[in-house]
Amino acid sequence: MKVIIVDDDQLVVSALKTILSADPGIQVVATGADGQDAVALFDKLRPDVLLMDIRMRHVSGLDAAEHILSVYPCASILFLTTFADDEYIIRALHLGAKGYLLKQNFESIVPALKAVFTGQRVFGDEVITKLPRYVKREKDDYREFGLNEKEFEVIQLVAEGLNNKETAQRLFLSEGTVRNYLSVIFEKLALRDRTQLAVFYYKHF
């Protein structure tokens, strides 16, 4: 897997390069210091994954991602930042980023890169819990996804971070019924887990 690292903190770049280079399946092909570098390096090297900060001098990671994805819609961009600001997460989702992690979770970076490389989307738990309800849709819009009202209520509570027991209590259902609802929901939406379901909810509702 070819990876480009872009961050305006050279200590972070060095640390990331050391961590990633220790994995035989990852090749760091280039590093950059801002969004301009990201655009130029991506265009030149076409990496499998671009690992990039958000707040950087000159051109931000989000602006760079917007440009790259407008030219290469299938580009795999994983944001690694210290900021879990709602506005950043919202824009990253809208742009089509494949992941959004916080830097303090260094141990998650290699698994996240590998997941993104295989086509998955990766958002840290702390990011998921901070995702705001930034779009309010009409009540019946969930039906376009083949969902019924109770399934949509389950999805809403999962997106709020509630576990099965808490969801069951809120909806006056048994935990087994909630698990059954989730199985059906995952199948209908072709999703694998609760994290993907929360991301789906905040992207579409």
N, C-alpha and C. Protein backbone atom coordinates (compact mmCIF):
# COMPACT_ATOMS: atom_id res chain seq x y z
N MET A 1 0.84 -1.19 0.00
CA MET A 1 0.00 0.00 0.00
C MET A 1 0.88 1.25 0.00
N LYS A 2 0.69 2.11 -0.98
CA LYS A 2 1.45 3.36 -1.06
C LYS A 2 0.70 4.47 -0.34
N VAL A 3 1.41 5.14 0.57
CA VAL A 3 0.79 6.18 1.39
C VAL A 3 1.57 7.48 1.30
N ILE A 4 0.85 8.59 1.24
CA ILE A 4 1.44 9.92 1.34
C ILE A 4 1.00 10.53 2.67
N ILE A 5 1.94 11.12 3.40
CA ILE A 5 1.64 11.79 4.67
C ILE A 5 1.76 13.29 4.47
N VAL A 6 0.74 14.04 4.87
CA VAL A 6 0.78 15.50 4.76
C VAL A 6 0.38 16.12 6.10
N ASP A 7 1.32 16.84 6.72
CA ASP A 7 1.07 17.51 8.00
C ASP A 7 2.09 18.63 8.14
N ASP A 8 1.66 19.77 8.69
CA ASP A 8 2.60 20.89 8.80
C ASP A 8 3.48 20.81 10.04
N ASP A 9 3.30 19.78 10.85
CA ASP A 9 4.18 19.55 12.00
C ASP A 9 5.17 18.45 11.64
N GLN A 10 6.41 18.84 11.45
CA GLN A 10 7.41 17.87 10.99
C GLN A 10 7.67 16.76 12.00
N LEU A 11 7.48 17.05 13.29
CA LEU A 11 7.63 15.99 14.29
C LEU A 11 6.55 14.92 14.09
N VAL A 12 5.34 15.37 13.78
CA VAL A 12 4.25 14.43 13.53
C VAL A 12 4.55 13.62 12.27
N VAL A 13 5.03 14.29 11.23
CA VAL A 13 5.36 13.59 9.99
C VAL A 13 6.42 12.52 10.24
N SER A 14 7.45 12.88 10.99
CA SER A 14 8.52 11.92 11.29
C SER A 14 8.01 10.73 12.09
N ALA A 15 7.16 11.03 13.09
CA ALA A 15 6.61 9.96 13.91
C ALA A 15 5.73 9.03 13.09
N LEU A 16 4.88 9.63 12.25
CA LEU A 16 4.00 8.81 11.40
C LEU A 16 4.80 7.96 10.43
N LYS A 17 5.82 8.55 9.86
CA LYS A 17 6.64 7.80 8.89
C LYS A 17 7.31 6.61 9.57
N THR A 18 7.78 6.83 10.80
CA THR A 18 8.41 5.74 11.55
C THR A 18 7.41 4.63 11.84
N ILE A 19 6.22 5.03 12.30
CA ILE A 19 5.18 4.05 12.63
C ILE A 19 4.76 3.24 11.40
N LEU A 20 4.51 3.95 10.31
CA LEU A 20 4.00 3.28 9.11
C LEU A 20 5.08 2.43 8.43
N SER A 21 6.29 2.94 8.42
CA SER A 21 7.38 2.20 7.76
C SER A 21 7.71 0.90 8.47
N ALA A 22 7.31 0.78 9.73
CA ALA A 22 7.56 -0.46 10.47
C ALA A 22 6.65 -1.59 10.00
N ASP A 23 5.62 -1.26 9.26
CA ASP A 23 4.70 -2.27 8.73
C ASP A 23 5.13 -2.64 7.31
N PRO A 24 5.45 -3.89 7.07
CA PRO A 24 5.94 -4.29 5.73
C PRO A 24 4.93 -4.09 4.61
N GLY A 25 3.67 -3.93 4.98
CA GLY A 25 2.65 -3.76 3.95
C GLY A 25 2.41 -2.32 3.56
N ILE A 26 3.12 -1.40 4.19
CA ILE A 26 2.91 0.02 3.93
C ILE A 26 4.20 0.67 3.44
N GLN A 27 4.09 1.42 2.37
CA GLN A 27 5.23 2.17 1.82
C GLN A 27 4.89 3.65 1.81
N VAL A 28 5.63 4.44 2.59
CA VAL A 28 5.45 5.89 2.58
C VAL A 28 6.22 6.44 1.38
N VAL A 29 5.50 6.86 0.36
CA VAL A 29 6.14 7.26 -0.89
C VAL A 29 6.51 8.75 -0.92
N ALA A 30 5.89 9.55 -0.03
CA ALA A 30 6.20 10.98 0.00
C ALA A 30 5.57 11.61 1.23
N THR A 31 6.09 12.76 1.61
CA THR A 31 5.49 13.55 2.70
C THR A 31 5.38 15.00 2.24
N GLY A 32 4.41 15.71 2.82
CA GLY A 32 4.22 17.11 2.48
C GLY A 32 3.84 17.90 3.71
N ALA A 33 3.82 19.24 3.56
CA ALA A 33 3.62 20.11 4.72
C ALA A 33 2.32 20.91 4.68
N ASP A 34 1.60 20.90 3.56
CA ASP A 34 0.32 21.61 3.51
C ASP A 34 -0.53 21.10 2.36
N GLY A 35 -1.70 21.71 2.19
CA GLY A 35 -2.62 21.25 1.17
C GLY A 35 -2.09 21.36 -0.25
N GLN A 36 -1.27 22.36 -0.49
CA GLN A 36 -0.67 22.50 -1.83
C GLN A 36 0.20 21.28 -2.14
N ASP A 37 0.99 20.87 -1.15
CA ASP A 37 1.82 19.68 -1.33
C ASP A 37 0.94 18.46 -1.57
N ALA A 38 -0.15 18.37 -0.84
CA ALA A 38 -1.03 17.21 -0.96
C ALA A 38 -1.56 17.08 -2.39
N VAL A 39 -2.03 18.19 -2.94
CA VAL A 39 -2.57 18.17 -4.31
C VAL A 39 -1.50 17.77 -5.31
N ALA A 40 -0.32 18.40 -5.20
CA ALA A 40 0.76 18.14 -6.15
C ALA A 40 1.26 16.69 -6.04
N LEU A 41 1.44 16.23 -4.81
CA LEU A 41 1.96 14.88 -4.61
C LEU A 41 0.95 13.82 -5.02
N PHE A 42 -0.32 14.07 -4.74
CA PHE A 42 -1.34 13.09 -5.14
C PHE A 42 -1.40 12.99 -6.65
N ASP A 43 -1.37 14.12 -7.32
CA ASP A 43 -1.43 14.12 -8.78
C ASP A 43 -0.24 13.40 -9.39
N LYS A 44 0.92 13.54 -8.75
CA LYS A 44 2.14 12.94 -9.29
C LYS A 44 2.25 11.45 -8.97
N LEU A 45 1.87 11.06 -7.75
CA LEU A 45 2.16 9.70 -7.28
C LEU A 45 0.95 8.78 -7.19
N ARG A 46 -0.25 9.35 -7.18
CA ARG A 46 -1.49 8.56 -7.09
C ARG A 46 -1.40 7.48 -5.99
N PRO A 47 -1.28 7.88 -4.75
CA PRO A 47 -1.14 6.89 -3.68
C PRO A 47 -2.41 6.10 -3.46
N ASP A 48 -2.28 5.00 -2.74
CA ASP A 48 -3.47 4.23 -2.37
C ASP A 48 -4.27 4.96 -1.30
N VAL A 49 -3.55 5.62 -0.38
CA VAL A 49 -4.21 6.38 0.67
C VAL A 49 -3.41 7.66 0.94
N LEU A 50 -4.13 8.76 1.09
CA LEU A 50 -3.53 10.03 1.49
C LEU A 50 -3.89 10.26 2.96
N LEU A 51 -2.89 10.29 3.83
CA LEU A 51 -3.08 10.52 5.26
C LEU A 51 -2.76 11.99 5.52
N MET A 52 -3.75 12.76 5.95
CA MET A 52 -3.59 14.22 5.93
C MET A 52 -4.21 14.91 7.14
N ASP A 53 -3.52 15.95 7.61
CA ASP A 53 -4.04 16.81 8.67
C ASP A 53 -5.10 17.74 8.06
N ILE A 54 -5.83 18.44 8.91
CA ILE A 54 -6.85 19.37 8.43
C ILE A 54 -6.36 20.82 8.47
N ARG A 55 -6.00 21.29 9.65
CA ARG A 55 -5.52 22.67 9.76
C ARG A 55 -4.04 22.74 9.41
N MET A 56 -3.75 23.39 8.29
CA MET A 56 -2.37 23.56 7.85
C MET A 56 -2.20 24.94 7.23
N ARG A 57 -0.99 25.41 7.20
CA ARG A 57 -0.70 26.72 6.61
C ARG A 57 -1.01 26.71 5.11
N HIS A 58 -1.32 27.89 4.59
CA HIS A 58 -1.56 28.10 3.16
C HIS A 58 -2.87 27.45 2.69
N VAL A 59 -2.86 26.13 2.51
CA VAL A 59 -4.06 25.42 2.04
C VAL A 59 -4.41 24.33 3.04
N SER A 60 -5.64 24.32 3.52
CA SER A 60 -6.06 23.33 4.52
C SER A 60 -6.22 21.95 3.89
N GLY A 61 -6.26 20.95 4.76
CA GLY A 61 -6.48 19.60 4.27
C GLY A 61 -7.84 19.42 3.63
N LEU A 62 -8.85 20.10 4.17
CA LEU A 62 -10.19 20.01 3.59
C LEU A 62 -10.25 20.62 2.20
N ASP A 63 -9.60 21.77 2.02
CA ASP A 63 -9.58 22.39 0.69
C ASP A 63 -8.82 21.51 -0.30
N ALA A 64 -7.72 20.93 0.17
CA ALA A 64 -6.94 20.05 -0.69
C ALA A 64 -7.77 18.82 -1.07
N ALA A 65 -8.48 18.26 -0.09
CA ALA A 65 -9.31 17.09 -0.36
C ALA A 65 -10.41 17.41 -1.38
N GLU A 66 -10.99 18.59 -1.24
CA GLU A 66 -12.05 18.98 -2.18
C GLU A 66 -11.51 19.01 -3.61
N HIS A 67 -10.33 19.57 -3.77
CA HIS A 67 -9.72 19.64 -5.10
C HIS A 67 -9.39 18.24 -5.61
N ILE A 68 -8.74 17.44 -4.78
CA ILE A 68 -8.33 16.10 -5.20
C ILE A 68 -9.54 15.25 -5.58
N LEU A 69 -10.57 15.29 -4.76
CA LEU A 69 -11.75 14.45 -5.02
C LEU A 69 -12.56 14.94 -6.22
N SER A 70 -12.42 16.22 -6.57
CA SER A 70 -13.09 16.71 -7.77
C SER A 70 -12.43 16.16 -9.03
N VAL A 71 -11.15 15.86 -8.92
CA VAL A 71 -10.40 15.32 -10.06
C VAL A 71 -10.35 13.79 -10.01
N TYR A 72 -10.17 13.27 -8.79
CA TYR A 72 -10.08 11.82 -8.58
C TYR A 72 -11.16 11.40 -7.59
N PRO A 73 -12.38 11.19 -8.02
CA PRO A 73 -13.50 10.90 -7.12
C PRO A 73 -13.30 9.65 -6.26
N CYS A 74 -12.45 8.75 -6.70
CA CYS A 74 -12.23 7.51 -5.95
C CYS A 74 -11.04 7.61 -5.00
N ALA A 75 -10.45 8.77 -4.88
CA ALA A 75 -9.29 8.94 -4.01
C ALA A 75 -9.64 8.55 -2.57
N SER A 76 -8.71 7.86 -1.93
CA SER A 76 -8.90 7.46 -0.53
C SER A 76 -8.15 8.44 0.37
N ILE A 77 -8.89 9.26 1.09
CA ILE A 77 -8.29 10.27 1.96
C ILE A 77 -8.70 10.00 3.39
N LEU A 78 -7.70 9.85 4.25
CA LEU A 78 -7.93 9.62 5.68
C LEU A 78 -7.40 10.84 6.45
N PHE A 79 -8.30 11.54 7.12
CA PHE A 79 -7.88 12.70 7.90
C PHE A 79 -7.40 12.25 9.27
N LEU A 80 -6.27 12.82 9.69
CA LEU A 80 -5.72 12.56 11.01
C LEU A 80 -5.43 13.92 11.64
N THR A 81 -6.20 14.28 12.65
CA THR A 81 -6.13 15.64 13.16
C THR A 81 -6.34 15.67 14.67
N THR A 82 -6.05 16.80 15.27
CA THR A 82 -6.32 16.97 16.71
C THR A 82 -7.69 17.60 16.92
N PHE A 83 -8.37 17.95 15.83
CA PHE A 83 -9.62 18.70 15.93
C PHE A 83 -10.84 17.84 15.60
N ALA A 84 -11.78 17.80 16.54
CA ALA A 84 -13.04 17.08 16.31
C ALA A 84 -14.18 18.09 16.20
N ASP A 85 -13.91 19.24 15.60
CA ASP A 85 -14.92 20.28 15.43
C ASP A 85 -16.03 19.77 14.51
N ASP A 86 -17.26 20.06 14.88
CA ASP A 86 -18.39 19.62 14.07
C ASP A 86 -18.27 20.05 12.62
N GLU A 87 -17.87 21.30 12.40
CA GLU A 87 -17.83 21.80 11.03
C GLU A 87 -16.82 21.04 10.18
N TYR A 88 -15.71 20.63 10.79
CA TYR A 88 -14.71 19.86 10.05
C TYR A 88 -15.24 18.47 9.71
N ILE A 89 -15.87 17.83 10.69
CA ILE A 89 -16.40 16.49 10.47
C ILE A 89 -17.47 16.50 9.39
N ILE A 90 -18.36 17.49 9.48
CA ILE A 90 -19.43 17.62 8.48
C ILE A 90 -18.85 17.76 7.08
N ARG A 91 -17.88 18.64 6.94
CA ARG A 91 -17.33 18.86 5.60
C ARG A 91 -16.58 17.63 5.11
N ALA A 92 -15.86 16.97 6.02
CA ALA A 92 -15.15 15.75 5.62
C ALA A 92 -16.12 14.70 5.11
N LEU A 93 -17.26 14.57 5.78
CA LEU A 93 -18.28 13.62 5.33
C LEU A 93 -18.84 14.00 3.98
N HIS A 94 -19.16 15.28 3.83
CA HIS A 94 -19.72 15.76 2.56
C HIS A 94 -18.74 15.57 1.40
N LEU A 95 -17.47 15.78 1.67
CA LEU A 95 -16.47 15.65 0.61
C LEU A 95 -16.29 14.21 0.17
N GLY A 96 -16.56 13.30 1.09
CA GLY A 96 -16.37 11.88 0.76
C GLY A 96 -15.08 11.30 1.30
N ALA A 97 -14.56 11.88 2.38
CA ALA A 97 -13.35 11.34 3.00
C ALA A 97 -13.63 9.91 3.46
N LYS A 98 -12.61 9.08 3.40
CA LYS A 98 -12.77 7.68 3.80
C LYS A 98 -12.60 7.48 5.30
N GLY A 99 -12.09 8.51 5.99
CA GLY A 99 -11.93 8.35 7.42
C GLY A 99 -11.57 9.64 8.12
N TYR A 100 -11.76 9.65 9.44
CA TYR A 100 -11.47 10.83 10.25
C TYR A 100 -11.07 10.33 11.63
N LEU A 101 -9.79 10.45 11.95
CA LEU A 101 -9.27 10.00 13.23
C LEU A 101 -8.61 11.15 13.98
N LEU A 102 -8.55 11.02 15.29
CA LEU A 102 -7.84 11.99 16.11
C LEU A 102 -6.43 11.49 16.38
N LYS A 103 -5.48 12.42 16.43
CA LYS A 103 -4.07 12.05 16.52
C LYS A 103 -3.72 11.28 17.79
N GLN A 104 -4.47 11.51 18.86
CA GLN A 104 -4.11 10.82 20.09
C GLN A 104 -4.31 9.32 19.99
N ASN A 105 -5.05 8.88 18.98
CA ASN A 105 -5.26 7.44 18.78
C ASN A 105 -4.24 6.86 17.80
N PHE A 106 -2.96 7.02 18.13
CA PHE A 106 -1.90 6.58 17.23
C PHE A 106 -1.99 5.09 16.93
N GLU A 107 -2.43 4.31 17.93
CA GLU A 107 -2.47 2.87 17.73
C GLU A 107 -3.51 2.46 16.69
N SER A 108 -4.42 3.37 16.35
CA SER A 108 -5.48 3.05 15.38
C SER A 108 -5.10 3.39 13.95
N ILE A 109 -3.98 4.07 13.76
CA ILE A 109 -3.66 4.60 12.44
C ILE A 109 -3.39 3.49 11.43
N VAL A 110 -2.54 2.53 11.78
CA VAL A 110 -2.22 1.46 10.83
C VAL A 110 -3.46 0.63 10.50
N PRO A 111 -4.23 0.17 11.51
CA PRO A 111 -5.45 -0.57 11.17
C PRO A 111 -6.42 0.27 10.32
N ALA A 112 -6.50 1.57 10.61
CA ALA A 112 -7.39 2.44 9.85
C ALA A 112 -6.95 2.53 8.39
N LEU A 113 -5.66 2.70 8.18
CA LEU A 113 -5.13 2.76 6.81
C LEU A 113 -5.45 1.48 6.04
N LYS A 114 -5.26 0.36 6.70
CA LYS A 114 -5.53 -0.93 6.04
C LYS A 114 -7.02 -1.09 5.74
N ALA A 115 -7.86 -0.60 6.64
CA ALA A 115 -9.30 -0.68 6.42
C ALA A 115 -9.71 0.19 5.23
N VAL A 116 -9.17 1.40 5.18
CA VAL A 116 -9.47 2.31 4.08
C VAL A 116 -8.98 1.72 2.75
N PHE A 117 -7.81 1.10 2.79
CA PHE A 117 -7.22 0.49 1.60
C PHE A 117 -8.13 -0.60 1.03
N THR A 118 -8.86 -1.28 1.92
CA THR A 118 -9.75 -2.36 1.46
C THR A 118 -11.15 -1.86 1.15
N GLY A 119 -11.33 -0.54 1.18
CA GLY A 119 -12.61 0.03 0.78
C GLY A 119 -13.55 0.40 1.91
N GLN A 120 -13.10 0.24 3.14
CA GLN A 120 -13.96 0.59 4.27
C GLN A 120 -13.82 2.07 4.61
N ARG A 121 -14.76 2.57 5.40
CA ARG A 121 -14.69 3.92 5.92
C ARG A 121 -14.44 3.83 7.42
N VAL A 122 -13.60 4.71 7.92
CA VAL A 122 -13.18 4.60 9.31
C VAL A 122 -13.34 5.95 10.02
N PHE A 123 -14.15 5.96 11.06
CA PHE A 123 -14.31 7.17 11.87
C PHE A 123 -14.16 6.77 13.33
N GLY A 124 -13.27 7.43 14.05
CA GLY A 124 -13.05 7.12 15.44
C GLY A 124 -14.31 7.29 16.27
N ASP A 125 -14.41 6.52 17.34
CA ASP A 125 -15.60 6.57 18.19
C ASP A 125 -15.87 7.98 18.72
N GLU A 126 -14.79 8.67 19.11
CA GLU A 126 -14.98 10.01 19.65
C GLU A 126 -15.49 10.98 18.60
N VAL A 127 -15.18 10.68 17.34
CA VAL A 127 -15.68 11.51 16.24
C VAL A 127 -17.16 11.24 16.01
N ILE A 128 -17.52 9.97 16.01
CA ILE A 128 -18.91 9.58 15.80
C ILE A 128 -19.82 10.25 16.83
N THR A 129 -19.39 10.25 18.09
CA THR A 129 -20.24 10.82 19.14
C THR A 129 -20.38 12.33 19.02
N LYS A 130 -19.46 12.96 18.29
CA LYS A 130 -19.53 14.41 18.14
C LYS A 130 -20.26 14.85 16.87
N LEU A 131 -20.62 13.88 16.04
CA LEU A 131 -21.29 14.25 14.79
C LEU A 131 -22.62 14.93 15.11
N PRO A 132 -22.80 16.15 14.67
CA PRO A 132 -24.05 16.86 14.96
C PRO A 132 -25.16 16.44 14.00
N ARG A 133 -26.34 16.74 14.41
CA ARG A 133 -27.47 16.54 13.49
C ARG A 133 -27.59 17.79 12.64
N TYR A 134 -26.80 17.79 11.56
CA TYR A 134 -26.67 19.03 10.80
C TYR A 134 -27.67 19.17 9.67
N VAL A 135 -28.37 18.09 9.37
CA VAL A 135 -29.39 18.20 8.33
C VAL A 135 -30.68 17.60 8.87
N LYS A 136 -31.73 18.35 8.86
CA LYS A 136 -33.03 17.84 9.30
C LYS A 136 -33.89 17.54 8.07
N ARG A 137 -34.17 16.28 7.90
CA ARG A 137 -34.97 15.90 6.75
C ARG A 137 -36.44 15.78 7.13
N GLU A 138 -37.28 15.71 6.13
CA GLU A 138 -38.70 15.47 6.38
C GLU A 138 -38.87 14.08 6.99
N LYS A 139 -39.90 13.95 7.79
CA LYS A 139 -40.09 12.73 8.58
C LYS A 139 -40.09 11.46 7.74
N ASP A 140 -40.68 11.49 6.57
CA ASP A 140 -40.83 10.27 5.80
C ASP A 140 -39.66 10.00 4.84
N ASP A 141 -38.62 10.81 4.87
CA ASP A 141 -37.53 10.62 3.92
C ASP A 141 -36.79 9.30 4.12
N TYR A 142 -36.86 8.73 5.30
CA TYR A 142 -36.17 7.46 5.55
C TYR A 142 -36.75 6.34 4.70
N ARG A 143 -38.00 6.54 4.23
CA ARG A 143 -38.64 5.47 3.46
C ARG A 143 -37.96 5.24 2.11
N GLU A 144 -37.26 6.22 1.62
CA GLU A 144 -36.56 6.02 0.34
C GLU A 144 -35.45 4.99 0.46
N PHE A 145 -35.04 4.68 1.69
CA PHE A 145 -34.01 3.67 1.91
C PHE A 145 -34.61 2.32 2.28
N GLY A 146 -35.93 2.21 2.17
CA GLY A 146 -36.60 0.96 2.47
C GLY A 146 -36.77 0.71 3.95
N LEU A 147 -36.67 1.77 4.76
CA LEU A 147 -36.79 1.64 6.21
C LEU A 147 -38.21 1.94 6.67
N ASN A 148 -38.61 1.29 7.76
CA ASN A 148 -39.88 1.68 8.36
C ASN A 148 -39.61 2.61 9.54
N GLU A 149 -40.65 3.10 10.16
CA GLU A 149 -40.49 4.12 11.20
C GLU A 149 -39.71 3.60 12.41
N LYS A 150 -40.00 2.37 12.82
CA LYS A 150 -39.32 1.83 14.01
C LYS A 150 -37.84 1.61 13.72
N GLU A 151 -37.52 1.14 12.52
CA GLU A 151 -36.12 0.96 12.15
C GLU A 151 -35.37 2.29 12.17
N PHE A 152 -36.06 3.33 11.70
CA PHE A 152 -35.43 4.65 11.69
C PHE A 152 -35.19 5.14 13.12
N GLU A 153 -36.12 4.85 14.01
CA GLU A 153 -35.94 5.24 15.41
C GLU A 153 -34.73 4.53 16.03
N VAL A 154 -34.56 3.26 15.68
CA VAL A 154 -33.39 2.52 16.17
C VAL A 154 -32.10 3.16 15.64
N ILE A 155 -32.10 3.51 14.37
CA ILE A 155 -30.91 4.14 13.77
C ILE A 155 -30.58 5.45 14.47
N GLN A 156 -31.60 6.25 14.74
CA GLN A 156 -31.37 7.53 15.42
C GLN A 156 -30.69 7.33 16.78
N LEU A 157 -31.13 6.33 17.52
CA LEU A 157 -30.57 6.11 18.85
C LEU A 157 -29.16 5.54 18.78
N VAL A 158 -28.91 4.70 17.79
CA VAL A 158 -27.54 4.22 17.58
C VAL A 158 -26.61 5.39 17.26
N ALA A 159 -27.11 6.30 16.42
CA ALA A 159 -26.31 7.47 16.05
C ALA A 159 -26.03 8.38 17.25
N GLU A 160 -26.92 8.33 18.23
CA GLU A 160 -26.71 9.10 19.46
C GLU A 160 -25.71 8.43 20.39
N GLY A 161 -25.32 7.20 20.06
CA GLY A 161 -24.34 6.50 20.87
C GLY A 161 -24.92 5.52 21.87
N LEU A 162 -26.24 5.27 21.81
CA LEU A 162 -26.86 4.35 22.75
C LEU A 162 -26.55 2.90 22.38
N ASN A 163 -26.35 2.06 23.41
CA ASN A 163 -26.13 0.64 23.15
C ASN A 163 -27.48 -0.07 23.04
N ASN A 164 -27.44 -1.38 22.83
CA ASN A 164 -28.70 -2.12 22.62
C ASN A 164 -29.64 -2.03 23.83
N LYS A 165 -29.07 -2.15 25.02
CA LYS A 165 -29.89 -2.10 26.23
C LYS A 165 -30.57 -0.74 26.37
N GLU A 166 -29.80 0.32 26.15
CA GLU A 166 -30.34 1.68 26.27
C GLU A 166 -31.39 1.94 25.19
N THR A 167 -31.11 1.45 23.98
CA THR A 167 -32.07 1.61 22.88
C THR A 167 -33.37 0.88 23.20
N ALA A 168 -33.23 -0.32 23.74
CA ALA A 168 -34.42 -1.10 24.10
C ALA A 168 -35.26 -0.38 25.15
N GLN A 169 -34.58 0.18 26.14
CA GLN A 169 -35.31 0.91 27.19
C GLN A 169 -36.02 2.13 26.63
N ARG A 170 -35.34 2.84 25.75
CA ARG A 170 -35.92 4.06 25.19
C ARG A 170 -37.15 3.75 24.33
N LEU A 171 -37.10 2.64 23.62
CA LEU A 171 -38.19 2.31 22.70
C LEU A 171 -39.18 1.29 23.28
N PHE A 172 -38.95 0.90 24.55
CA PHE A 172 -39.82 -0.06 25.22
C PHE A 172 -39.87 -1.39 24.46
N LEU A 173 -38.67 -1.84 24.07
CA LEU A 173 -38.53 -3.11 23.38
C LEU A 173 -37.59 -4.00 24.18
N SER A 174 -37.48 -5.26 23.79
CA SER A 174 -36.49 -6.15 24.40
C SER A 174 -35.16 -5.97 23.66
N GLU A 175 -34.07 -6.34 24.33
CA GLU A 175 -32.76 -6.24 23.66
C GLU A 175 -32.72 -7.16 22.44
N GLY A 176 -33.36 -8.31 22.54
CA GLY A 176 -33.39 -9.23 21.40
C GLY A 176 -34.08 -8.61 20.20
N THR A 177 -35.15 -7.88 20.46
CA THR A 177 -35.87 -7.21 19.35
C THR A 177 -35.00 -6.14 18.71
N VAL A 178 -34.27 -5.41 19.55
CA VAL A 178 -33.36 -4.39 19.01
C VAL A 178 -32.29 -5.04 18.15
N ARG A 179 -31.74 -6.16 18.62
CA ARG A 179 -30.72 -6.86 17.83
C ARG A 179 -31.30 -7.31 16.49
N ASN A 180 -32.54 -7.78 16.51
CA ASN A 180 -33.19 -8.21 15.26
C ASN A 180 -33.38 -7.03 14.31
N TYR A 181 -33.81 -5.90 14.88
CA TYR A 181 -33.96 -4.69 14.05
C TYR A 181 -32.62 -4.32 13.41
N LEU A 182 -31.56 -4.36 14.20
CA LEU A 182 -30.25 -3.97 13.68
C LEU A 182 -29.79 -4.91 12.56
N SER A 183 -30.04 -6.19 12.72
CA SER A 183 -29.67 -7.15 11.67
C SER A 183 -30.36 -6.83 10.35
N VAL A 184 -31.66 -6.53 10.46
CA VAL A 184 -32.44 -6.18 9.27
C VAL A 184 -31.92 -4.87 8.66
N ILE A 185 -31.65 -3.89 9.53
CA ILE A 185 -31.17 -2.58 9.06
C ILE A 185 -29.84 -2.72 8.35
N PHE A 186 -28.90 -3.48 8.95
CA PHE A 186 -27.59 -3.67 8.32
C PHE A 186 -27.74 -4.30 6.93
N GLU A 187 -28.67 -5.26 6.84
CA GLU A 187 -28.88 -5.94 5.55
C GLU A 187 -29.49 -4.98 4.53
N LYS A 188 -30.48 -4.22 4.94
CA LYS A 188 -31.14 -3.28 4.03
C LYS A 188 -30.17 -2.22 3.50
N LEU A 189 -29.31 -1.74 4.36
CA LEU A 189 -28.42 -0.63 4.00
C LEU A 189 -27.03 -1.10 3.56
N ALA A 190 -26.82 -2.43 3.58
CA ALA A 190 -25.53 -3.01 3.20
C ALA A 190 -24.39 -2.43 4.05
N LEU A 191 -24.63 -2.39 5.35
CA LEU A 191 -23.63 -1.88 6.28
C LEU A 191 -23.17 -3.01 7.20
N ARG A 192 -21.96 -2.80 7.81
CA ARG A 192 -21.38 -3.87 8.61
C ARG A 192 -21.53 -3.68 10.12
N ASP A 193 -21.51 -2.44 10.57
CA ASP A 193 -21.48 -2.24 12.02
C ASP A 193 -22.15 -0.93 12.42
N ARG A 194 -22.16 -0.67 13.73
CA ARG A 194 -22.84 0.50 14.28
C ARG A 194 -22.16 1.79 13.86
N THR A 195 -20.84 1.75 13.74
CA THR A 195 -20.11 2.95 13.32
C THR A 195 -20.54 3.37 11.92
N GLN A 196 -20.59 2.41 11.00
CA GLN A 196 -21.04 2.73 9.65
C GLN A 196 -22.48 3.21 9.64
N LEU A 197 -23.29 2.65 10.53
CA LEU A 197 -24.70 3.06 10.60
C LEU A 197 -24.81 4.51 11.07
N ALA A 198 -24.00 4.89 12.05
CA ALA A 198 -24.01 6.27 12.54
C ALA A 198 -23.55 7.22 11.45
N VAL A 199 -22.51 6.84 10.72
CA VAL A 199 -22.03 7.67 9.62
C VAL A 199 -23.12 7.81 8.56
N PHE A 200 -23.79 6.72 8.23
CA PHE A 200 -24.89 6.75 7.27
C PHE A 200 -25.96 7.76 7.73
N TYR A 201 -26.33 7.69 9.00
CA TYR A 201 -27.37 8.56 9.51
C TYR A 201 -26.99 10.02 9.36
N TYR A 202 -25.77 10.36 9.75
CA TYR A 202 -25.38 11.78 9.71
C TYR A 202 -25.12 12.27 8.29
N LYS A 203 -24.84 11.35 7.39
CA LYS A 203 -24.69 11.78 5.98
C LYS A 203 -26.05 12.04 5.33
N HIS A 204 -27.06 11.25 5.72
CA HIS A 204 -28.33 11.31 5.00
C HIS A 204 -29.47 12.02 5.76
N PHE A 205 -29.30 12.20 7.06
CA PHE A 205 -30.38 12.80 7.81
C PHE A 205 -29.88 13.96 8.68
